[in-house]
PDB file of N, CA and C in Angstrom:
ATOM      1  N   MET A   1      32.704 -74.472 -62.287  1.00  0.00           N
ATOM      2  CA  MET A   1      32.812 -75.034 -63.461  1.00  0.00           C
ATOM      3  C   MET A   1      33.957 -74.871 -64.459  1.00  0.00           C
ATOM      4  N   VAL A   2      35.657 -75.761 -64.991  1.00  0.00           N
ATOM      5  CA  VAL A   2      36.636 -75.182 -65.385  1.00  0.00           C
ATOM      6  C   VAL A   2      36.110 -74.509 -67.224  1.00  0.00           C
ATOM      7  N   HIS A   3      37.064 -73.385 -67.164  1.00  0.00           N
ATOM      8  CA  HIS A   3      37.046 -73.163 -68.832  1.00  0.00           C
ATOM      9  C   HIS A   3      37.866 -73.309 -69.518  1.00  0.00           C
ATOM     10  N   PRO A   4      38.004 -73.932 -70.800  1.00  0.00           N
ATOM     11  CA  PRO A   4      39.521 -74.658 -71.273  1.00  0.00           C
ATOM     12  C   PRO A   4      40.389 -73.103 -71.378  1.00  0.00           C
ATOM     13  N   GLN A   5      41.400 -73.145 -71.359  1.00  0.00           N
ATOM     14  CA  GLN A   5      41.911 -71.819 -71.669  1.00  0.00           C
ATOM     15  C   GLN A   5      41.640 -70.975 -73.185  1.00  0.00           C
ATOM     16  N   ARG A   6      42.194 -69.620 -73.210  1.00  0.00           N
ATOM     17  CA  ARG A   6      41.864 -69.042 -74.480  1.00  0.00           C
ATOM     18  C   ARG A   6      42.948 -68.447 -74.527  1.00  0.00           C
ATOM     19  N   ASP A   7      42.875 -68.728 -75.856  1.00  0.00           N
ATOM     20  CA  ASP A   7      43.963 -67.464 -76.494  1.00  0.00           C
ATOM     21  C   ASP A   7      43.667 -65.740 -76.843  1.00  0.00           C
ATOM     22  N   GLU A   8      43.281 -65.578 -76.597  1.00  0.00           N
ATOM     23  CA  GLU A   8      42.158 -64.258 -75.450  1.00  0.00           C
ATOM     24  C   GLU A   8      43.305 -63.302 -75.553  1.00  0.00           C
ATOM     25  N   GLN A   9      43.867 -61.876 -75.603  1.00  0.00           N
ATOM     26  CA  GLN A   9      44.579 -61.612 -74.473  1.00  0.00           C
ATOM     27  C   GLN A   9      43.542 -60.867 -73.802  1.00  0.00           C
ATOM     28  N   PRO A  10      44.177 -59.756 -72.839  1.00  0.00           N
ATOM     29  CA  PRO A  10      44.053 -59.717 -72.046  1.00  0.00           C
ATOM     30  C   PRO A  10      43.218 -57.620 -72.083  1.00  0.00           C
ATOM     31  N   TRP A  11      41.638 -58.060 -71.736  1.00  0.00           N
ATOM     32  CA  TRP A  11      41.057 -56.495 -71.717  1.00  0.00           C
ATOM     33  C   TRP A  11      42.058 -55.168 -71.114  1.00  0.00           C
ATOM     34  N   ILE A  12      42.304 -54.462 -71.831  1.00  0.00           N
ATOM     35  CA  ILE A  12      42.920 -53.293 -71.525  1.00  0.00           C
ATOM     36  C   ILE A  12      42.008 -51.747 -71.381  1.00  0.00           C
ATOM     37  N   ASP A  13      42.122 -51.433 -70.437  1.00  0.00           N
ATOM     38  CA  ASP A  13      41.616 -50.216 -69.630  1.00  0.00           C
ATOM     39  C   ASP A  13      42.062 -49.146 -71.226  1.00  0.00           C
ATOM     40  N   GLU A  14      41.803 -48.414 -71.625  1.00  0.00           N
ATOM     41  CA  GLU A  14      42.220 -48.159 -72.584  1.00  0.00           C
ATOM     42  C   GLU A  14      42.367 -46.477 -71.690  1.00  0.00           C
ATOM     43  N   ILE A  15      40.895 -45.281 -70.796  1.00  0.00           N
ATOM     44  CA  ILE A  15      41.786 -44.585 -69.627  1.00  0.00           C
ATOM     45  C   ILE A  15      42.936 -44.940 -68.901  1.00  0.00           C
ATOM     46  N   VAL A  16      43.156 -46.103 -68.571  1.00  0.00           N
ATOM     47  CA  VAL A  16      44.732 -47.254 -67.498  1.00  0.00           C
ATOM     48  C   VAL A  16      45.070 -46.369 -67.529  1.00  0.00           C
ATOM     49  N   ALA A  17      44.712 -47.145 -69.426  1.00  0.00           N
ATOM     50  CA  ALA A  17      46.565 -47.556 -70.464  1.00  0.00           C
ATOM     51  C   ALA A  17      47.470 -46.089 -70.341  1.00  0.00           C
ATOM     52  N   GLU A  18      46.309 -45.273 -70.355  1.00  0.00           N
ATOM     53  CA  GLU A  18      46.239 -43.663 -70.771  1.00  0.00           C
ATOM     54  C   GLU A  18      47.185 -42.480 -69.730  1.00  0.00           C
ATOM     55  N   VAL A  19      47.090 -42.551 -68.657  1.00  0.00           N
ATOM     56  CA  VAL A  19      47.632 -42.727 -67.628  1.00  0.00           C
ATOM     57  C   VAL A  19      48.209 -42.874 -66.576  1.00  0.00           C
ATOM     58  N   ARG A  20      48.813 -44.226 -66.852  1.00  0.00           N
ATOM     59  CA  ARG A  20      50.147 -45.191 -66.742  1.00  0.00           C
ATOM     60  C   ARG A  20      51.234 -44.378 -67.453  1.00  0.00           C
ATOM     61  N   SER A  21      50.455 -44.282 -69.032  1.00  0.00           N
ATOM     62  CA  SER A  21      51.793 -43.595 -69.879  1.00  0.00           C
ATOM     63  C   SER A  21      52.073 -42.177 -69.161  1.00  0.00           C
ATOM     64  N   ALA A  22      51.022 -41.701 -69.189  1.00  0.00           N
ATOM     65  CA  ALA A  22      51.257 -39.906 -68.157  1.00  0.00           C
ATOM     66  C   ALA A  22      51.867 -39.971 -67.286  1.00  0.00           C
ATOM     67  N   ARG A  23      51.246 -41.152 -66.029  1.00  0.00           N
ATOM     68  CA  ARG A  23      52.526 -40.870 -65.246  1.00  0.00           C
ATOM     69  C   ARG A  23      53.965 -41.435 -65.615  1.00  0.00           C
ATOM     70  N   GLU A  24      54.125 -42.213 -66.053  1.00  0.00           N
ATOM     71  CA  GLU A  24      55.492 -42.511 -66.947  1.00  0.00           C
ATOM     72  C   GLU A  24      56.631 -41.161 -67.148  1.00  0.00           C
ATOM     73  N   GLN A  25      55.701 -40.793 -67.970  1.00  0.00           N
ATOM     74  CA  GLN A  25      56.201 -39.873 -69.145  1.00  0.00           C
ATOM     75  C   GLN A  25      57.368 -39.117 -68.320  1.00  0.00           C
ATOM     76  N   LEU A  26      56.478 -38.336 -67.259  1.00  0.00           N
ATOM     77  CA  LEU A  26      56.752 -38.359 -65.292  1.00  0.00           C
ATOM     78  C   LEU A  26      57.245 -37.960 -64.468  1.00  0.00           C
ATOM     79  N   PHE A  27      57.916 -39.106 -64.942  1.00  0.00           N
ATOM     80  CA  PHE A  27      58.699 -39.274 -63.602  1.00  0.00           C
ATOM     81  C   PHE A  27      59.922 -39.398 -64.349  1.00  0.00           C
ATOM     82  N   ALA A  28      60.276 -39.864 -66.236  1.00  0.00           N
ATOM     83  CA  ALA A  28      61.210 -40.096 -66.977  1.00  0.00           C
ATOM     84  C   ALA A  28      61.653 -38.939 -66.919  1.00  0.00           C
ATOM     85  N   ALA A  29      61.025 -37.922 -67.315  1.00  0.00           N
ATOM     86  CA  ALA A  29      61.212 -36.725 -66.919  1.00  0.00           C
ATOM     87  C   ALA A  29      62.293 -35.695 -66.767  1.00  0.00           C
ATOM     88  N   CYS A  30      62.075 -36.518 -65.146  1.00  0.00           N
ATOM     89  CA  CYS A  30      62.531 -36.272 -64.271  1.00  0.00           C
ATOM     90  C   CYS A  30      63.001 -37.008 -62.512  1.00  0.00           C
ATOM     91  N   ASP A  31      64.317 -38.362 -64.055  1.00  0.00           N
ATOM     92  CA  ASP A  31      65.134 -39.555 -63.399  1.00  0.00           C
ATOM     93  C   ASP A  31      64.266 -40.003 -62.747  1.00  0.00           C
ATOM     94  N   TYR A  32      63.391 -40.304 -62.807  1.00  0.00           N
ATOM     95  CA  TYR A  32      62.744 -41.361 -61.876  1.00  0.00           C
ATOM     96  C   TYR A  32      62.958 -41.077 -60.547  1.00  0.00           C
ATOM     97  N   ASP A  33      63.091 -39.746 -60.069  1.00  0.00           N
ATOM     98  CA  ASP A  33      63.122 -39.292 -58.466  1.00  0.00           C
ATOM     99  C   ASP A  33      62.166 -38.659 -57.824  1.00  0.00           C
ATOM    100  N   LEU A  34      61.675 -39.111 -57.020  1.00  0.00           N
ATOM    101  CA  LEU A  34      60.392 -38.413 -55.570  1.00  0.00           C
ATOM    102  C   LEU A  34      61.459 -37.666 -55.829  1.00  0.00           C
ATOM    103  N   GLU A  35      61.524 -36.700 -55.626  1.00  0.00           N
ATOM    104  CA  GLU A  35      62.334 -35.629 -55.167  1.00  0.00           C
ATOM    105  C   GLU A  35      61.849 -34.467 -55.749  1.00  0.00           C
ATOM    106  N   LYS A  36      61.910 -34.660 -57.211  1.00  0.00           N
ATOM    107  CA  LYS A  36      62.516 -34.199 -58.835  1.00  0.00           C
ATOM    108  C   LYS A  36      60.732 -33.230 -58.522  1.00  0.00           C
ATOM    109  N   LEU A  37      60.567 -35.038 -59.079  1.00  0.00           N
ATOM    110  CA  LEU A  37      59.271 -34.892 -59.027  1.00  0.00           C
ATOM    111  C   LEU A  37      58.729 -34.099 -58.533  1.00  0.00           C
ATOM    112  N   ALA A  38      58.121 -34.232 -56.917  1.00  0.00           N
ATOM    113  CA  ALA A  38      57.366 -33.690 -55.936  1.00  0.00           C
ATOM    114  C   ALA A  38      58.614 -31.764 -56.084  1.00  0.00           C
ATOM    115  N   LYS A  39      59.154 -31.212 -56.371  1.00  0.00           N
ATOM    116  CA  LYS A  39      59.879 -29.780 -56.453  1.00  0.00           C
ATOM    117  C   LYS A  39      58.371 -29.402 -58.308  1.00  0.00           C
ATOM    118  N   ARG A  40      59.507 -30.687 -59.184  1.00  0.00           N
ATOM    119  CA  ARG A  40      58.170 -29.787 -60.797  1.00  0.00           C
ATOM    120  C   ARG A  40      56.900 -30.036 -59.957  1.00  0.00           C
ATOM    121  N   LEU A  41      56.517 -30.743 -58.924  1.00  0.00           N
ATOM    122  CA  LEU A  41      54.270 -30.517 -59.766  1.00  0.00           C
ATOM    123  C   LEU A  41      54.300 -29.622 -58.134  1.00  0.00           C
ATOM    124  N   ARG A  42      54.998 -29.104 -57.219  1.00  0.00           N
ATOM    125  CA  ARG A  42      54.932 -28.009 -56.781  1.00  0.00           C
ATOM    126  C   ARG A  42      54.472 -26.356 -57.805  1.00  0.00           C
ATOM    127  N   GLN A  43      56.523 -26.633 -58.819  1.00  0.00           N
ATOM    128  CA  GLN A  43      56.333 -25.469 -59.259  1.00  0.00           C
ATOM    129  C   GLN A  43      55.116 -25.183 -60.346  1.00  0.00           C
ATOM    130  N   ASN A  44      54.752 -26.401 -61.647  1.00  0.00           N
ATOM    131  CA  ASN A  44      53.254 -26.829 -61.834  1.00  0.00           C
ATOM    132  C   ASN A  44      53.010 -26.248 -61.193  1.00  0.00           C
ATOM    133  N   GLN A  45      52.019 -26.184 -60.041  1.00  0.00           N
ATOM    134  CA  GLN A  45      50.473 -26.011 -58.838  1.00  0.00           C
ATOM    135  C   GLN A  45      50.989 -24.548 -59.202  1.00  0.00           C
ATOM    136  N   LYS A  46      52.197 -23.976 -58.634  1.00  0.00           N
ATOM    137  CA  LYS A  46      51.900 -22.142 -58.088  1.00  0.00           C
ATOM    138  C   LYS A  46      51.997 -21.220 -59.584  1.00  0.00           C
ATOM    139  N   VAL A  47      52.474 -22.165 -61.253  1.00  0.00           N
ATOM    140  CA  VAL A  47      52.612 -21.339 -61.456  1.00  0.00           C
ATOM    141  C   VAL A  47      50.971 -21.390 -62.176  1.00  0.00           C
ATOM    142  N   SER A  48      50.072 -22.051 -61.961  1.00  0.00           N
ATOM    143  CA  SER A  48      48.583 -22.294 -62.744  1.00  0.00           C
ATOM    144  C   SER A  48      48.115 -21.503 -62.304  1.00  0.00           C
ATOM    145  N   GLY A  49      48.224 -20.414 -61.771  1.00  0.00           N
ATOM    146  CA  GLY A  49      47.607 -19.711 -60.935  1.00  0.00           C
ATOM    147  C   GLY A  49      46.061 -19.561 -60.022  1.00  0.00           C
ATOM    148  N   ARG A  50      46.300 -21.208 -60.111  1.00  0.00           N
ATOM    149  CA  ARG A  50      45.237 -22.296 -59.025  1.00  0.00           C
ATOM    150  C   ARG A  50      45.176 -21.861 -58.116  1.00  0.00           C
ATOM    151  N   ALA A  51      44.150 -21.682 -56.668  1.00  0.00           N
ATOM    152  CA  ALA A  51      43.520 -21.439 -55.343  1.00  0.00           C
ATOM    153  C   ALA A  51      44.652 -23.304 -54.930  1.00  0.00           C
ATOM    154  N   VAL A  52      44.892 -22.640 -54.662  1.00  0.00           N
ATOM    155  CA  VAL A  52      45.974 -24.368 -53.788  1.00  0.00           C
ATOM    156  C   VAL A  52      45.226 -24.694 -51.797  1.00  0.00           C
ATOM    157  N   VAL A  53      44.330 -25.118 -51.543  1.00  0.00           N
ATOM    158  CA  VAL A  53      42.895 -25.819 -50.767  1.00  0.00           C
ATOM    159  C   VAL A  53      44.244 -26.552 -49.752  1.00  0.00           C
ATOM    160  N   THR A  54      44.679 -25.501 -48.367  1.00  0.00           N
ATOM    161  CA  THR A  54      46.556 -27.304 -47.764  1.00  0.00           C
ATOM    162  C   THR A  54      44.393 -27.094 -46.429  1.00  0.00           C
ATOM    163  N   PHE A  55      44.132 -28.481 -45.771  1.00  0.00           N
ATOM    164  CA  PHE A  55      43.098 -27.924 -44.350  1.00  0.00           C
ATOM    165  C   PHE A  55      45.121 -28.237 -43.493  1.00  0.00           C
ATOM    166  N   PRO A  56      44.219 -27.445 -41.418  1.00  0.00           N
ATOM    167  CA  PRO A  56      45.091 -28.055 -40.605  1.00  0.00           C
ATOM    168  C   PRO A  56      45.526 -30.036 -40.933  1.00  0.00           C
ATOM    169  N   ARG A  57      46.478 -30.632 -39.733  1.00  0.00           N
ATOM    170  CA  ARG A  57      46.009 -31.238 -40.165  1.00  0.00           C
ATOM    171  C   ARG A  57      45.980 -31.550 -38.811  1.00  0.00           C
ATOM    172  N   ARG A  58      45.241 -33.202 -38.635  1.00  0.00           N
ATOM    173  CA  ARG A  58      44.674 -33.787 -37.682  1.00  0.00           C
ATOM    174  C   ARG A  58      45.130 -34.903 -37.229  1.00  0.00           C
ATOM    175  N   MET A  59      44.994 -34.824 -35.913  1.00  0.00           N
ATOM    176  CA  MET A  59      45.655 -35.435 -35.037  1.00  0.00           C
ATOM    177  C   MET A  59      44.571 -36.582 -35.528  1.00  0.00           C
ATOM    178  N   PRO A  60      45.118 -38.120 -34.349  1.00  0.00           N
ATOM    179  CA  PRO A  60      44.554 -39.210 -33.837  1.00  0.00           C
ATOM    180  C   PRO A  60      43.581 -38.895 -33.237  1.00  0.00           C
ATOM    181  N   ALA A  61      42.578 -39.140 -33.099  1.00  0.00           N
ATOM    182  CA  ALA A  61      42.052 -38.929 -31.303  1.00  0.00           C
ATOM    183  C   ALA A  61      43.120 -40.392 -29.772  1.00  0.00           C
ATOM    184  N   LYS A  62      43.164 -39.558 -29.042  1.00  0.00           N
ATOM    185  CA  LYS A  62      43.987 -41.210 -27.352  1.00  0.00           C
ATOM    186  C   LYS A  62      42.923 -41.846 -27.881  1.00  0.00           C
ATOM    187  N   GLY A  63      43.963 -43.261 -27.274  1.00  0.00           N
ATOM    188  CA  GLY A  63      43.563 -44.426 -27.081  1.00  0.00           C
ATOM    189  C   GLY A  63      42.242 -44.370 -28.463  1.00  0.00           C
ATOM    190  N   VAL A  64      42.407 -44.341 -29.224  1.00  0.00           N
ATOM    191  CA  VAL A  64      41.236 -45.044 -31.072  1.00  0.00           C
ATOM    192  C   VAL A  64      43.704 -45.382 -32.129  1.00  0.00           C
ATOM    193  N   SER A  65      42.242 -46.777 -31.827  1.00  0.00           N
ATOM    194  CA  SER A  65      43.105 -47.530 -33.676  1.00  0.00           C
ATOM    195  C   SER A  65      42.842 -47.717 -33.925  1.00  0.00           C
ATOM    196  N   ALA A  66      43.963 -47.221 -35.875  1.00  0.00           N
ATOM    197  CA  ALA A  66      43.660 -47.738 -36.581  1.00  0.00           C
ATOM    198  C   ALA A  66      43.614 -49.909 -36.438  1.00  0.00           C
TER     199      ALA A  66
END
């Protein structure tokens, strides 16, 4: 069934919009440089005082393809 075109605005998820806005602000603060952003996030991680969990690298099994 074909619906007639509507003049309604698309639905906007407020949470998604907030996350995208925060991401844009963080990236803009680092001059849109991914290396600067990663460095800033690592610095924030260090000063947060929270435990950082890292796992050893896992190598794919031989003969298994993705």
